[in-house]
Amino acid sequence: MSQQVVSLSVPAQPLFARSVRMMAANLAVVSNMDVDDVEDLRMAAEEGFVYACATKPAVCDIVFELHESSIVMTFTLGDTISADDDALQYANLLLSAICDEYDADHASKTLRLVKFADGANAN
């Protein structure tokens, strides 16, 4: 499969987490990821959205890049960053465990998550 890009823009409110989670799961299936990878991507998308919401943007834009053996999710972040925020700490913990690559760049206001399919890796 050649690279495909899907964009989603949702209000940064917890009630939209299901929409983000379901979109990620659907794209993982479209990308022929196995059941475990679909579940991991679904969870990563939800936690990425929770992380983004905790930074207080009005809207969270999410770009899903579908590659041959991976999916990259990039979330827009807001201006509010607090290391003491329980939601951010919990999301950090889960994202570092679930994702193959995880980078929160608060200077550029982006959260980038990568999940490789079926044990593939960057090397």
PDB file of N, CA and C in Angstrom:
ATOM      1  N   MET A   1       0.851  -1.174   0.000  1.00  0.00           N
ATOM      2  CA  MET A   1       0.000   0.000   0.000  1.00  0.00           C
ATOM      3  C   MET A   1       0.893   1.233   0.000  1.00  0.00           C
ATOM      4  N   SER A   2       0.574   2.177  -0.865  1.00  0.00           N
ATOM      5  CA  SER A   2       1.296   3.439  -0.828  1.00  0.00           C
ATOM      6  C   SER A   2       0.779   4.251   0.350  1.00  0.00           C
ATOM      7  N   GLN A   3       1.531   5.259   0.728  1.00  0.00           N
ATOM      8  CA  GLN A   3       1.128   6.062   1.883  1.00  0.00           C
ATOM      9  C   GLN A   3      -0.230   6.715   1.646  1.00  0.00           C
ATOM     10  N   GLN A   4      -1.072   6.630   2.653  1.00  0.00           N
ATOM     11  CA  GLN A   4      -2.386   7.274   2.643  1.00  0.00           C
ATOM     12  C   GLN A   4      -2.453   8.182   3.858  1.00  0.00           C
ATOM     13  N   VAL A   5      -3.141   9.319   3.733  1.00  0.00           N
ATOM     14  CA  VAL A   5      -3.278  10.252   4.850  1.00  0.00           C
ATOM     15  C   VAL A   5      -4.755  10.503   5.109  1.00  0.00           C
ATOM     16  N   VAL A   6      -5.136  10.386   6.378  1.00  0.00           N
ATOM     17  CA  VAL A   6      -6.507  10.650   6.804  1.00  0.00           C
ATOM     18  C   VAL A   6      -6.433  11.680   7.919  1.00  0.00           C
ATOM     19  N   SER A   7      -7.235  12.730   7.809  1.00  0.00           N
ATOM     20  CA  SER A   7      -7.259  13.777   8.831  1.00  0.00           C
ATOM     21  C   SER A   7      -8.603  13.793   9.531  1.00  0.00           C
ATOM     22  N   LEU A   8      -8.549  14.081  10.826  1.00  0.00           N
ATOM     23  CA  LEU A   8      -9.751  14.156  11.643  1.00  0.00           C
ATOM     24  C   LEU A   8      -9.624  15.391  12.526  1.00  0.00           C
ATOM     25  N   SER A   9     -10.673  16.170  12.596  1.00  0.00           N
ATOM     26  CA  SER A   9     -10.684  17.356  13.439  1.00  0.00           C
ATOM     27  C   SER A   9     -11.904  17.266  14.351  1.00  0.00           C
ATOM     28  N   VAL A  10     -11.659  17.220  15.666  1.00  0.00           N
ATOM     29  CA  VAL A  10     -12.752  17.062  16.630  1.00  0.00           C
ATOM     30  C   VAL A  10     -12.593  18.063  17.774  1.00  0.00           C
ATOM     31  N   PRO A  11     -13.698  18.469  18.367  1.00  0.00           N
ATOM     32  CA  PRO A  11     -13.584  19.313  19.562  1.00  0.00           C
ATOM     33  C   PRO A  11     -12.774  18.563  20.624  1.00  0.00           C
ATOM     34  N   ALA A  12     -11.931  19.272  21.311  1.00  0.00           N
ATOM     35  CA  ALA A  12     -11.076  18.656  22.333  1.00  0.00           C
ATOM     36  C   ALA A  12     -11.861  18.476  23.625  1.00  0.00           C
ATOM     37  N   GLN A  13     -12.804  17.553  23.559  1.00  0.00           N
ATOM     38  CA  GLN A  13     -13.665  17.247  24.697  1.00  0.00           C
ATOM     39  C   GLN A  13     -13.741  15.723  24.835  1.00  0.00           C
ATOM     40  N   PRO A  14     -13.708  15.237  26.055  1.00  0.00           N
ATOM     41  CA  PRO A  14     -13.684  13.784  26.280  1.00  0.00           C
ATOM     42  C   PRO A  14     -14.793  13.007  25.581  1.00  0.00           C
ATOM     43  N   LEU A  15     -15.955  13.594  25.366  1.00  0.00           N
ATOM     44  CA  LEU A  15     -17.034  12.835  24.745  1.00  0.00           C
ATOM     45  C   LEU A  15     -16.741  12.463  23.294  1.00  0.00           C
ATOM     46  N   PHE A  16     -15.686  13.036  22.694  1.00  0.00           N
ATOM     47  CA  PHE A  16     -15.308  12.687  21.326  1.00  0.00           C
ATOM     48  C   PHE A  16     -14.210  11.631  21.266  1.00  0.00           C
ATOM     49  N   ALA A  17     -13.776  11.128  22.412  1.00  0.00           N
ATOM     50  CA  ALA A  17     -12.709  10.116  22.441  1.00  0.00           C
ATOM     51  C   ALA A  17     -13.103   8.860  21.665  1.00  0.00           C
ATOM     52  N   ARG A  18     -14.351   8.470  21.762  1.00  0.00           N
ATOM     53  CA  ARG A  18     -14.801   7.266  21.046  1.00  0.00           C
ATOM     54  C   ARG A  18     -14.649   7.424  19.533  1.00  0.00           C
ATOM     55  N   SER A  19     -14.937   8.600  19.016  1.00  0.00           N
ATOM     56  CA  SER A  19     -14.787   8.846  17.573  1.00  0.00           C
ATOM     57  C   SER A  19     -13.333   8.662  17.139  1.00  0.00           C
ATOM     58  N   VAL A  20     -12.421   9.184  17.930  1.00  0.00           N
ATOM     59  CA  VAL A  20     -10.992   9.071  17.621  1.00  0.00           C
ATOM     60  C   VAL A  20     -10.560   7.606  17.716  1.00  0.00           C
ATOM     61  N   ARG A  21     -10.978   6.944  18.769  1.00  0.00           N
ATOM     62  CA  ARG A  21     -10.642   5.533  19.001  1.00  0.00           C
ATOM     63  C   ARG A  21     -11.156   4.655  17.853  1.00  0.00           C
ATOM     64  N   MET A  22     -12.389   4.874  17.435  1.00  0.00           N
ATOM     65  CA  MET A  22     -12.978   4.052  16.373  1.00  0.00           C
ATOM     66  C   MET A  22     -12.321   4.311  15.016  1.00  0.00           C
ATOM     67  N   MET A  23     -11.975   5.568  14.750  1.00  0.00           N
ATOM     68  CA  MET A  23     -11.280   5.888  13.489  1.00  0.00           C
ATOM     69  C   MET A  23      -9.936   5.168  13.453  1.00  0.00           C
ATOM     70  N   ALA A  24      -9.193   5.222  14.537  1.00  0.00           N
ATOM     71  CA  ALA A  24      -7.887   4.560  14.588  1.00  0.00           C
ATOM     72  C   ALA A  24      -8.023   3.053  14.386  1.00  0.00           C
ATOM     73  N   ALA A  25      -8.983   2.445  15.050  1.00  0.00           N
ATOM     74  CA  ALA A  25      -9.188   1.004  14.906  1.00  0.00           C
ATOM     75  C   ALA A  25      -9.551   0.643  13.467  1.00  0.00           C
ATOM     76  N   ASN A  26     -10.420   1.432  12.860  1.00  0.00           N
ATOM     77  CA  ASN A  26     -10.815   1.173  11.479  1.00  0.00           C
ATOM     78  C   ASN A  26      -9.614   1.289  10.539  1.00  0.00           C
ATOM     79  N   LEU A  27      -8.788   2.294  10.731  1.00  0.00           N
ATOM     80  CA  LEU A  27      -7.613   2.462   9.872  1.00  0.00           C
ATOM     81  C   LEU A  27      -6.604   1.344  10.081  1.00  0.00           C
ATOM     82  N   ALA A  28      -6.489   0.839  11.283  1.00  0.00           N
ATOM     83  CA  ALA A  28      -5.607  -0.300  11.540  1.00  0.00           C
ATOM     84  C   ALA A  28      -6.095  -1.541  10.790  1.00  0.00           C
ATOM     85  N   VAL A  29      -7.401  -1.744  10.768  1.00  0.00           N
ATOM     86  CA  VAL A  29      -7.973  -2.874  10.024  1.00  0.00           C
ATOM     87  C   VAL A  29      -7.729  -2.691   8.525  1.00  0.00           C
ATOM     88  N   VAL A  30      -7.960  -1.477   8.022  1.00  0.00           N
ATOM     89  CA  VAL A  30      -7.725  -1.169   6.605  1.00  0.00           C
ATOM     90  C   VAL A  30      -6.259  -1.439   6.246  1.00  0.00           C
ATOM     91  N   SER A  31      -5.367  -1.213   7.202  1.00  0.00           N
ATOM     92  CA  SER A  31      -3.931  -1.416   6.984  1.00  0.00           C
ATOM     93  C   SER A  31      -3.485  -2.860   7.220  1.00  0.00           C
ATOM     94  N   ASN A  32      -4.447  -3.747   7.428  1.00  0.00           N
ATOM     95  CA  ASN A  32      -4.177  -5.175   7.627  1.00  0.00           C
ATOM     96  C   ASN A  32      -3.344  -5.478   8.871  1.00  0.00           C
ATOM     97  N   MET A  33      -3.501  -4.673   9.903  1.00  0.00           N
ATOM     98  CA  MET A  33      -2.821  -4.966  11.166  1.00  0.00           C
ATOM     99  C   MET A  33      -3.534  -6.128  11.849  1.00  0.00           C
ATOM    100  N   ASP A  34      -2.773  -6.884  12.647  1.00  0.00           N
ATOM    101  CA  ASP A  34      -3.395  -8.001  13.356  1.00  0.00           C
ATOM    102  C   ASP A  34      -4.201  -7.483  14.549  1.00  0.00           C
ATOM    103  N   VAL A  35      -4.938  -8.377  15.178  1.00  0.00           N
ATOM    104  CA  VAL A  35      -5.859  -8.007  16.253  1.00  0.00           C
ATOM    105  C   VAL A  35      -5.150  -7.277  17.397  1.00  0.00           C
ATOM    106  N   ASP A  36      -3.974  -7.753  17.779  1.00  0.00           N
ATOM    107  CA  ASP A  36      -3.239  -7.107  18.869  1.00  0.00           C
ATOM    108  C   ASP A  36      -2.808  -5.691  18.497  1.00  0.00           C
ATOM    109  N   ASP A  37      -2.348  -5.517  17.262  1.00  0.00           N
ATOM    110  CA  ASP A  37      -1.941  -4.185  16.809  1.00  0.00           C
ATOM    111  C   ASP A  37      -3.133  -3.240  16.705  1.00  0.00           C
ATOM    112  N   VAL A  38      -4.276  -3.756  16.263  1.00  0.00           N
ATOM    113  CA  VAL A  38      -5.496  -2.938  16.192  1.00  0.00           C
ATOM    114  C   VAL A  38      -5.853  -2.440  17.587  1.00  0.00           C
ATOM    115  N   GLU A  39      -5.799  -3.326  18.561  1.00  0.00           N
ATOM    116  CA  GLU A  39      -6.126  -2.947  19.939  1.00  0.00           C
ATOM    117  C   GLU A  39      -5.124  -1.931  20.485  1.00  0.00           C
ATOM    118  N   ASP A  40      -3.843  -2.146  20.222  1.00  0.00           N
ATOM    119  CA  ASP A  40      -2.820  -1.200  20.675  1.00  0.00           C
ATOM    120  C   ASP A  40      -3.011   0.175  20.034  1.00  0.00           C
ATOM    121  N   LEU A  41      -3.297   0.196  18.739  1.00  0.00           N
ATOM    122  CA  LEU A  41      -3.483   1.476  18.049  1.00  0.00           C
ATOM    123  C   LEU A  41      -4.727   2.186  18.569  1.00  0.00           C
ATOM    124  N   ARG A  42      -5.772   1.436  18.810  1.00  0.00           N
ATOM    125  CA  ARG A  42      -7.006   2.011  19.359  1.00  0.00           C
ATOM    126  C   ARG A  42      -6.732   2.666  20.707  1.00  0.00           C
ATOM    127  N   MET A  43      -6.008   1.950  21.556  1.00  0.00           N
ATOM    128  CA  MET A  43      -5.696   2.477  22.880  1.00  0.00           C
ATOM    129  C   MET A  43      -4.760   3.688  22.780  1.00  0.00           C
ATOM    130  N   ALA A  44      -3.779   3.619  21.894  1.00  0.00           N
ATOM    131  CA  ALA A  44      -2.851   4.739  21.708  1.00  0.00           C
ATOM    132  C   ALA A  44      -3.589   5.977  21.220  1.00  0.00           C
ATOM    133  N   ALA A  45      -4.538   5.794  20.311  1.00  0.00           N
ATOM    134  CA  ALA A  45      -5.308   6.934  19.793  1.00  0.00           C
ATOM    135  C   ALA A  45      -6.120   7.586  20.909  1.00  0.00           C
ATOM    136  N   GLU A  46      -6.738   6.765  21.733  1.00  0.00           N
ATOM    137  CA  GLU A  46      -7.535   7.314  22.831  1.00  0.00           C
ATOM    138  C   GLU A  46      -6.655   8.057  23.830  1.00  0.00           C
ATOM    139  N   GLU A  47      -5.543   7.465  24.209  1.00  0.00           N
ATOM    140  CA  GLU A  47      -4.653   8.117  25.169  1.00  0.00           C
ATOM    141  C   GLU A  47      -3.991   9.355  24.566  1.00  0.00           C
ATOM    142  N   GLY A  48      -3.692   9.308  23.279  1.00  0.00           N
ATOM    143  CA  GLY A  48      -3.160  10.496  22.607  1.00  0.00           C
ATOM    144  C   GLY A  48      -4.172  11.633  22.621  1.00  0.00           C
ATOM    145  N   PHE A  49      -5.433  11.289  22.425  1.00  0.00           N
ATOM    146  CA  PHE A  49      -6.495  12.290  22.464  1.00  0.00           C
ATOM    147  C   PHE A  49      -6.663  12.842  23.883  1.00  0.00           C
ATOM    148  N   VAL A  50      -6.611  11.978  24.880  1.00  0.00           N
ATOM    149  CA  VAL A  50      -6.688  12.422  26.280  1.00  0.00           C
ATOM    150  C   VAL A  50      -5.533  13.373  26.582  1.00  0.00           C
ATOM    151  N   TYR A  51      -4.343  13.021  26.137  1.00  0.00           N
ATOM    152  CA  TYR A  51      -3.163  13.863  26.328  1.00  0.00           C
ATOM    153  C   TYR A  51      -3.403  15.227  25.673  1.00  0.00           C
ATOM    154  N   ALA A  52      -3.852  15.209  24.414  1.00  0.00           N
ATOM    155  CA  ALA A  52      -4.096  16.473  23.704  1.00  0.00           C
ATOM    156  C   ALA A  52      -5.145  17.313  24.423  1.00  0.00           C
ATOM    157  N   CYS A  53      -6.227  16.701  24.855  1.00  0.00           N
ATOM    158  CA  CYS A  53      -7.292  17.432  25.559  1.00  0.00           C
ATOM    159  C   CYS A  53      -6.772  18.072  26.839  1.00  0.00           C
ATOM    160  N   ALA A  54      -5.853  17.407  27.530  1.00  0.00           N
ATOM    161  CA  ALA A  54      -5.304  17.938  28.778  1.00  0.00           C
ATOM    162  C   ALA A  54      -4.496  19.215  28.555  1.00  0.00           C
ATOM    163  N   THR A  55      -4.066  19.459  27.306  1.00  0.00           N
ATOM    164  CA  THR A  55      -3.307  20.677  27.007  1.00  0.00           C
ATOM    165  C   THR A  55      -4.223  21.831  26.596  1.00  0.00           C
ATOM    166  N   LYS A  56      -5.520  21.576  26.572  1.00  0.00           N
ATOM    167  CA  LYS A  56      -6.575  22.574  26.383  1.00  0.00           C
ATOM    168  C   LYS A  56      -6.629  23.263  25.008  1.00  0.00           C
ATOM    169  N   PRO A  57      -6.494  22.518  23.898  1.00  0.00           N
ATOM    170  CA  PRO A  57      -6.762  23.163  22.606  1.00  0.00           C
ATOM    171  C   PRO A  57      -8.277  23.265  22.425  1.00  0.00           C
ATOM    172  N   ALA A  58      -8.762  24.184  21.612  1.00  0.00           N
ATOM    173  CA  ALA A  58     -10.198  24.258  21.334  1.00  0.00           C
ATOM    174  C   ALA A  58     -10.616  23.062  20.475  1.00  0.00           C
ATOM    175  N   VAL A  59      -9.751  22.730  19.524  1.00  0.00           N
ATOM    176  CA  VAL A  59     -10.002  21.637  18.588  1.00  0.00           C
ATOM    177  C   VAL A  59      -8.744  20.785  18.531  1.00  0.00           C
ATOM    178  N   CYS A  60      -8.926  19.495  18.406  1.00  0.00           N
ATOM    179  CA  CYS A  60      -7.788  18.593  18.245  1.00  0.00           C
ATOM    180  C   CYS A  60      -7.799  18.069  16.813  1.00  0.00           C
ATOM    181  N   ASP A  61      -6.772  18.421  16.077  1.00  0.00           N
ATOM    182  CA  ASP A  61      -6.596  17.884  14.728  1.00  0.00           C
ATOM    183  C   ASP A  61      -5.696  16.665  14.835  1.00  0.00           C
ATOM    184  N   ILE A  62      -6.108  15.604  14.181  1.00  0.00           N
ATOM    185  CA  ILE A  62      -5.335  14.361  14.203  1.00  0.00           C
ATOM    186  C   ILE A  62      -5.079  13.950  12.763  1.00  0.00           C
ATOM    187  N   VAL A  63      -3.822  13.697  12.444  1.00  0.00           N
ATOM    188  CA  VAL A  63      -3.450  13.218  11.119  1.00  0.00           C
ATOM    189  C   VAL A  63      -2.964  11.791  11.276  1.00  0.00           C
ATOM    190  N   PHE A  64      -3.591  10.890  10.533  1.00  0.00           N
ATOM    191  CA  PHE A  64      -3.205   9.484  10.506  1.00  0.00           C
ATOM    192  C   PHE A  64      -2.465   9.252   9.189  1.00  0.00           C
ATOM    193  N   GLU A  65      -1.211   8.810   9.274  1.00  0.00           N
ATOM    194  CA  GLU A  65      -0.445   8.466   8.078  1.00  0.00           C
ATOM    195  C   GLU A  65      -0.318   6.953   8.032  1.00  0.00           C
ATOM    196  N   LEU A  66      -0.875   6.349   6.999  1.00  0.00           N
ATOM    197  CA  LEU A  66      -0.832   4.904   6.843  1.00  0.00           C
ATOM    198  C   LEU A  66       0.311   4.550   5.904  1.00  0.00           C
ATOM    199  N   HIS A  67       1.274   3.800   6.421  1.00  0.00           N
ATOM    200  CA  HIS A  67       2.428   3.365   5.642  1.00  0.00           C
ATOM    201  C   HIS A  67       2.346   1.855   5.460  1.00  0.00           C
ATOM    202  N   GLU A  68       3.279   1.311   4.731  1.00  0.00           N
ATOM    203  CA  GLU A  68       3.292  -0.128   4.456  1.00  0.00           C
ATOM    204  C   GLU A  68       3.273  -0.965   5.731  1.00  0.00           C
ATOM    205  N   SER A  69       4.066  -0.568   6.731  1.00  0.00           N
ATOM    206  CA  SER A  69       4.141  -1.383   7.945  1.00  0.00           C
ATOM    207  C   SER A  69       3.954  -0.575   9.235  1.00  0.00           C
ATOM    208  N   SER A  70       3.338   0.593   9.122  1.00  0.00           N
ATOM    209  CA  SER A  70       3.121   1.386  10.331  1.00  0.00           C
ATOM    210  C   SER A  70       1.996   2.399  10.130  1.00  0.00           C
ATOM    211  N   ILE A  71       1.518   2.905  11.249  1.00  0.00           N
ATOM    212  CA  ILE A  71       0.586   4.036  11.241  1.00  0.00           C
ATOM    213  C   ILE A  71       1.169   5.085  12.174  1.00  0.00           C
ATOM    214  N   VAL A  72       1.231   6.317  11.667  1.00  0.00           N
ATOM    215  CA  VAL A  72       1.716   7.447  12.445  1.00  0.00           C
ATOM    216  C   VAL A  72       0.514   8.332  12.748  1.00  0.00           C
ATOM    217  N   MET A  73       0.346   8.694  14.015  1.00  0.00           N
ATOM    218  CA  MET A  73      -0.719   9.609  14.418  1.00  0.00           C
ATOM    219  C   MET A  73      -0.080  10.870  14.975  1.00  0.00           C
ATOM    220  N   THR A  74      -0.500  12.017  14.468  1.00  0.00           N
ATOM    221  CA  THR A  74       0.000  13.295  14.963  1.00  0.00           C
ATOM    222  C   THR A  74      -1.185  14.103  15.468  1.00  0.00           C
ATOM    223  N   PHE A  75      -1.117  14.487  16.735  1.00  0.00           N
ATOM    224  CA  PHE A  75      -2.176  15.248  17.408  1.00  0.00           C
ATOM    225  C   PHE A  75      -1.702  16.675  17.623  1.00  0.00           C
ATOM    226  N   THR A  76      -2.600  17.653  17.451  1.00  0.00           N
ATOM    227  CA  THR A  76      -2.257  19.024  17.817  1.00  0.00           C
ATOM    228  C   THR A  76      -2.472  19.197  19.318  1.00  0.00           C
ATOM    229  N   LEU A  77      -1.582  19.963  19.924  1.00  0.00           N
ATOM    230  CA  LEU A  77      -1.664  20.232  21.349  1.00  0.00           C
ATOM    231  C   LEU A  77      -2.009  21.701  21.579  1.00  0.00           C
ATOM    232  N   GLY A  78      -2.496  21.985  22.768  1.00  0.00           N
ATOM    233  CA  GLY A  78      -2.783  23.358  23.158  1.00  0.00           C
ATOM    234  C   GLY A  78      -1.603  23.968  23.896  1.00  0.00           C
ATOM    235  N   ASP A  79      -1.860  25.074  24.570  1.00  0.00           N
ATOM    236  CA  ASP A  79      -0.813  25.828  25.265  1.00  0.00           C
ATOM    237  C   ASP A  79      -0.613  25.424  26.716  1.00  0.00           C
ATOM    238  N   THR A  80      -1.557  24.721  27.311  1.00  0.00           N
ATOM    239  CA  THR A  80      -1.501  24.409  28.734  1.00  0.00           C
ATOM    240  C   THR A  80      -0.719  23.125  28.958  1.00  0.00           C
ATOM    241  N   ILE A  81       0.448  23.266  29.566  1.00  0.00           N
ATOM    242  CA  ILE A  81       1.268  22.100  29.852  1.00  0.00           C
ATOM    243  C   ILE A  81       1.589  22.113  31.342  1.00  0.00           C
ATOM    244  N   SER A  82       1.205  21.049  32.018  1.00  0.00           N
ATOM    245  CA  SER A  82       1.487  20.939  33.439  1.00  0.00           C
ATOM    246  C   SER A  82       1.974  19.528  33.729  1.00  0.00           C
ATOM    247  N   ALA A  83       3.208  19.432  34.165  1.00  0.00           N
ATOM    248  CA  ALA A  83       3.773  18.112  34.477  1.00  0.00           C
ATOM    249  C   ALA A  83       3.034  17.454  35.633  1.00  0.00           C
ATOM    250  N   ASP A  84       2.305  18.251  36.427  1.00  0.00           N
ATOM    251  CA  ASP A  84       1.568  17.710  37.561  1.00  0.00           C
ATOM    252  C   ASP A  84       0.196  17.168  37.178  1.00  0.00           C
ATOM    253  N   ASP A  85      -0.232  17.407  35.957  1.00  0.00           N
ATOM    254  CA  ASP A  85      -1.553  16.979  35.509  1.00  0.00           C
ATOM    255  C   ASP A  85      -1.618  15.453  35.498  1.00  0.00           C
ATOM    256  N   ASP A  86      -2.544  14.886  36.269  1.00  0.00           N
ATOM    257  CA  ASP A  86      -2.676  13.426  36.353  1.00  0.00           C
ATOM    258  C   ASP A  86      -2.982  12.794  35.003  1.00  0.00           C
ATOM    259  N   ALA A  87      -3.824  13.461  34.193  1.00  0.00           N
ATOM    260  CA  ALA A  87      -4.168  12.926  32.866  1.00  0.00           C
ATOM    261  C   ALA A  87      -2.928  12.833  31.990  1.00  0.00           C
ATOM    262  N   LEU A  88      -2.069  13.854  32.036  1.00  0.00           N
ATOM    263  CA  LEU A  88      -0.843  13.828  31.235  1.00  0.00           C
ATOM    264  C   LEU A  88       0.114  12.748  31.729  1.00  0.00           C
ATOM    265  N   GLN A  89       0.256  12.615  33.029  1.00  0.00           N
ATOM    266  CA  GLN A  89       1.162  11.604  33.570  1.00  0.00           C
ATOM    267  C   GLN A  89       0.710  10.194  33.212  1.00  0.00           C
ATOM    268  N   TYR A  90      -0.588   9.933  33.329  1.00  0.00           N
ATOM    269  CA  TYR A  90      -1.125   8.614  33.011  1.00  0.00           C
ATOM    270  C   TYR A  90      -0.991   8.336  31.509  1.00  0.00           C
ATOM    271  N   ALA A  91      -1.320   9.340  30.687  1.00  0.00           N
ATOM    272  CA  ALA A  91      -1.192   9.181  29.232  1.00  0.00           C
ATOM    273  C   ALA A  91       0.267   8.934  28.856  1.00  0.00           C
ATOM    274  N   ASN A  92       1.201   9.659  29.469  1.00  0.00           N
ATOM    275  CA  ASN A  92       2.632   9.443  29.207  1.00  0.00           C
ATOM    276  C   ASN A  92       3.023   7.996  29.481  1.00  0.00           C
ATOM    277  N   LEU A  93       2.587   7.484  30.602  1.00  0.00           N
ATOM    278  CA  LEU A  93       2.906   6.119  30.988  1.00  0.00           C
ATOM    279  C   LEU A  93       2.377   5.111  29.965  1.00  0.00           C
ATOM    280  N   LEU A  94       1.110   5.242  29.617  1.00  0.00           N
ATOM    281  CA  LEU A  94       0.507   4.304  28.664  1.00  0.00           C
ATOM    282  C   LEU A  94       1.106   4.435  27.269  1.00  0.00           C
ATOM    283  N   LEU A  95       1.288   5.671  26.805  1.00  0.00           N
ATOM    284  CA  LEU A  95       1.802   5.871  25.448  1.00  0.00           C
ATOM    285  C   LEU A  95       3.219   5.338  25.295  1.00  0.00           C
ATOM    286  N   SER A  96       4.040   5.513  26.310  1.00  0.00           N
ATOM    287  CA  SER A  96       5.407   4.999  26.217  1.00  0.00           C
ATOM    288  C   SER A  96       5.425   3.470  26.209  1.00  0.00           C
ATOM    289  N   ALA A  97       4.408   2.836  26.792  1.00  0.00           N
ATOM    290  CA  ALA A  97       4.329   1.376  26.808  1.00  0.00           C
ATOM    291  C   ALA A  97       3.717   0.803  25.527  1.00  0.00           C
ATOM    292  N   ILE A  98       2.752   1.499  24.951  1.00  0.00           N
ATOM    293  CA  ILE A  98       1.996   0.979  23.811  1.00  0.00           C
ATOM    294  C   ILE A  98       2.650   1.287  22.468  1.00  0.00           C
ATOM    295  N   CYS A  99       3.190   2.491  22.340  1.00  0.00           N
ATOM    296  CA  CYS A  99       3.684   2.954  21.042  1.00  0.00           C
ATOM    297  C   CYS A  99       5.121   2.510  20.791  1.00  0.00           C
ATOM    298  N   ASP A 100       5.437   2.292  19.523  1.00  0.00           N
ATOM    299  CA  ASP A 100       6.806   1.967  19.145  1.00  0.00           C
ATOM    300  C   ASP A 100       7.662   3.230  19.127  1.00  0.00           C
ATOM    301  N   GLU A 101       7.052   4.355  18.819  1.00  0.00           N
ATOM    302  CA  GLU A 101       7.699   5.666  18.908  1.00  0.00           C
ATOM    303  C   GLU A 101       6.690   6.629  19.510  1.00  0.00           C
ATOM    304  N   TYR A 102       7.198   7.520  20.350  1.00  0.00           N
ATOM    305  CA  TYR A 102       6.332   8.447  21.074  1.00  0.00           C
ATOM    306  C   TYR A 102       7.105   9.729  21.317  1.00  0.00           C
ATOM    307  N   ASP A 103       6.591  10.859  20.800  1.00  0.00           N
ATOM    308  CA  ASP A 103       7.283  12.135  20.967  1.00  0.00           C
ATOM    309  C   ASP A 103       6.274  13.254  21.174  1.00  0.00           C
ATOM    310  N   ALA A 104       6.341  13.880  22.352  1.00  0.00           N
ATOM    311  CA  ALA A 104       5.524  15.060  22.639  1.00  0.00           C
ATOM    312  C   ALA A 104       6.430  16.273  22.492  1.00  0.00           C
ATOM    313  N   ASP A 105       6.166  17.085  21.469  1.00  0.00           N
ATOM    314  CA  ASP A 105       6.967  18.283  21.209  1.00  0.00           C
ATOM    315  C   ASP A 105       6.097  19.492  21.519  1.00  0.00           C
ATOM    316  N   HIS A 106       6.243  20.010  22.728  1.00  0.00           N
ATOM    317  CA  HIS A 106       5.382  21.114  23.151  1.00  0.00           C
ATOM    318  C   HIS A 106       5.761  22.421  22.485  1.00  0.00           C
ATOM    319  N   ALA A 107       6.984  22.552  21.996  1.00  0.00           N
ATOM    320  CA  ALA A 107       7.386  23.759  21.269  1.00  0.00           C
ATOM    321  C   ALA A 107       6.608  23.872  19.963  1.00  0.00           C
ATOM    322  N   SER A 108       6.443  22.749  19.265  1.00  0.00           N
ATOM    323  CA  SER A 108       5.685  22.774  18.000  1.00  0.00           C
ATOM    324  C   SER A 108       4.229  22.365  18.185  1.00  0.00           C
ATOM    325  N   LYS A 109       3.844  22.100  19.441  1.00  0.00           N
ATOM    326  CA  LYS A 109       2.473  21.739  19.799  1.00  0.00           C
ATOM    327  C   LYS A 109       1.986  20.492  19.060  1.00  0.00           C
ATOM    328  N   THR A 110       2.817  19.458  19.060  1.00  0.00           N
ATOM    329  CA  THR A 110       2.415  18.202  18.436  1.00  0.00           C
ATOM    330  C   THR A 110       2.769  17.011  19.321  1.00  0.00           C
ATOM    331  N   LEU A 111       1.952  16.007  19.199  1.00  0.00           N
ATOM    332  CA  LEU A 111       2.188  14.710  19.824  1.00  0.00           C
ATOM    333  C   LEU A 111       2.221  13.707  18.681  1.00  0.00           C
ATOM    334  N   ARG A 112       3.341  12.997  18.527  1.00  0.00           N
ATOM    335  CA  ARG A 112       3.514  12.053  17.427  1.00  0.00           C
ATOM    336  C   ARG A 112       3.642  10.646  17.991  1.00  0.00           C
ATOM    337  N   LEU A 113       2.777   9.764  17.523  1.00  0.00           N
ATOM    338  CA  LEU A 113       2.753   8.370  17.957  1.00  0.00           C
ATOM    339  C   LEU A 113       2.919   7.460  16.751  1.00  0.00           C
ATOM    340  N   VAL A 114       3.731   6.430  16.896  1.00  0.00           N
ATOM    341  CA  VAL A 114       3.941   5.484  15.802  1.00  0.00           C
ATOM    342  C   VAL A 114       3.700   4.075  16.323  1.00  0.00           C
ATOM    343  N   LYS A 115       2.947   3.313  15.546  1.00  0.00           N
ATOM    344  CA  LYS A 115       2.726   1.893  15.840  1.00  0.00           C
ATOM    345  C   LYS A 115       3.101   1.096  14.594  1.00  0.00           C
ATOM    346  N   PHE A 116       4.077   0.190  14.761  1.00  0.00           N
ATOM    347  CA  PHE A 116       4.477  -0.674  13.660  1.00  0.00           C
ATOM    348  C   PHE A 116       3.616  -1.924  13.656  1.00  0.00           C
ATOM    349  N   ALA A 117       3.344  -2.425  12.485  1.00  0.00           N
ATOM    350  CA  ALA A 117       2.501  -3.607  12.329  1.00  0.00           C
ATOM    351  C   ALA A 117       3.303  -4.875  12.555  1.00  0.00           C
ATOM    352  N   ASP A 118       2.690  -5.823  13.258  1.00  0.00           N
ATOM    353  CA  ASP A 118       3.188  -7.186  13.373  1.00  0.00           C
ATOM    354  C   ASP A 118       4.664  -7.303  13.705  1.00  0.00           C
ATOM    355  N   GLY A 119       5.090  -6.550  14.704  1.00  0.00           N
ATOM    356  CA  GLY A 119       6.479  -6.670  15.148  1.00  0.00           C
ATOM    357  C   GLY A 119       7.492  -5.974  14.285  1.00  0.00           C
ATOM    358  N   ALA A 120       7.084  -5.297  13.220  1.00  0.00           N
ATOM    359  CA  ALA A 120       8.043  -4.546  12.405  1.00  0.00           C
ATOM    360  C   ALA A 120       8.633  -3.446  13.277  1.00  0.00           C
ATOM    361  N   ASN A 121       9.804  -2.980  12.919  1.00  0.00           N
ATOM    362  CA  ASN A 121      10.396  -1.872  13.674  1.00  0.00           C
ATOM    363  C   ASN A 121      11.133  -0.930  12.759  1.00  0.00           C
ATOM    364  N   ALA A 122      11.588   0.172  13.326  1.00  0.00           N
ATOM    365  CA  ALA A 122      12.229   1.230  12.538  1.00  0.00           C
ATOM    366  C   ALA A 122      13.588   0.816  12.005  1.00  0.00           C
ATOM    367  N   ASN A 123      14.213  -0.199  12.569  1.00  0.00           N
ATOM    368  CA  ASN A 123      15.558  -0.569  12.153  1.00  0.00           C
ATOM    369  C   ASN A 123      15.564  -1.458  10.947  1.00  0.00           C
TER     370      ASN A 123
END
